[in-house]
Amino acid sequence: MSATTNIFGFDFRCGGSYESIANEVIRDVSENTMGPTNFITPNAHGINEYLKFSELDRFCKTSRYVLPDGQPIVWLSKLTENPIQQRLTGSDFFPVMFNKIRGSEYKCLFLVSNASVRDLLMKEKPDAVYIIPEFFQMKEAEKIDRIGEEMCQKIVQHKLNYIFIGISEPKQGALAKSATEKLLKQNYKEACVFFFLGASYEFYFGLKKRAPVIVQKLGLEWFYRLITEPKRMYKRYIFGNFIFVVRAIRWIFDRKAYSNP
């Protein structure tokens, strides 16, 4: 396992290739020694969203696999003993992982935002289980509980090991938390990894366009998404970036306040 560094209470991987990380996940699942856990790729927006909900924040901090999706996370790591080598994004990880689990021996659940994405995934992974959840807000606990119950039932019924969630934060975290709690109540011990993937499906199939590579390397992918989807993204990036900068300054001066519980 790669070295980690703690930022905002999350143990971020400091290095490793997408190939090696995907192989590690598959090996861990095959050994079946970990039960339900998460694979998350927080960026500035994800950190902001988790911190709005204390229970969700604590849940996400227990994730076994935490990749640094955002360039600001990489920059902050330079102040720690184990600097992060480079961004490791969910959008870049997903194609590597997906190409490895196409075979029928890999039991998967895909939670998708719409039928178009589902149909594209089904062409490449027809033996997987698919769920299109009803639209919900974070305050709608009953809906979250209902979707979490459906996920739990599918996981137990089909003994699914790889759970890919492709909706926005913090909703995907809320659903993983709900399903995990229900699995634990049933004393479910099979290896089960919840992948928080956001728009990775859409990028994979070209339904959404990613920023040019040079823009990604400069840490300005957020700006590209802002100018290409201004109505949907302005709150996330204009206000969200300001909030993250304030939190980053606080973290720099009081890191112990963000340490793992």
Foldseek 3Di string as FASTA:
>chain_A
DAAFDADLAATAGQDDDLLVVLVVLVVVQVVLFDFEAEAEADELLQSVQCVVPVVLVLRNRRHPHYFHQFPVVQVLQVLDPRHRPDGDHLLVNVVSNLVVQQDPVAEEEEEDQDDVLVVVVCVRRVNYHYHHADDDDPVCVVSLLVLLVVVLVVCVVRVHAEYEYAADPPSLSSNSVNVSVVCVVVVNRRHHYYYYRHCSSCCVVVVDDFDPPVCVRVRNRLVVCCVVPVVVRVCSPVVSVVVSVVVSVVCVVPVVVSHRD
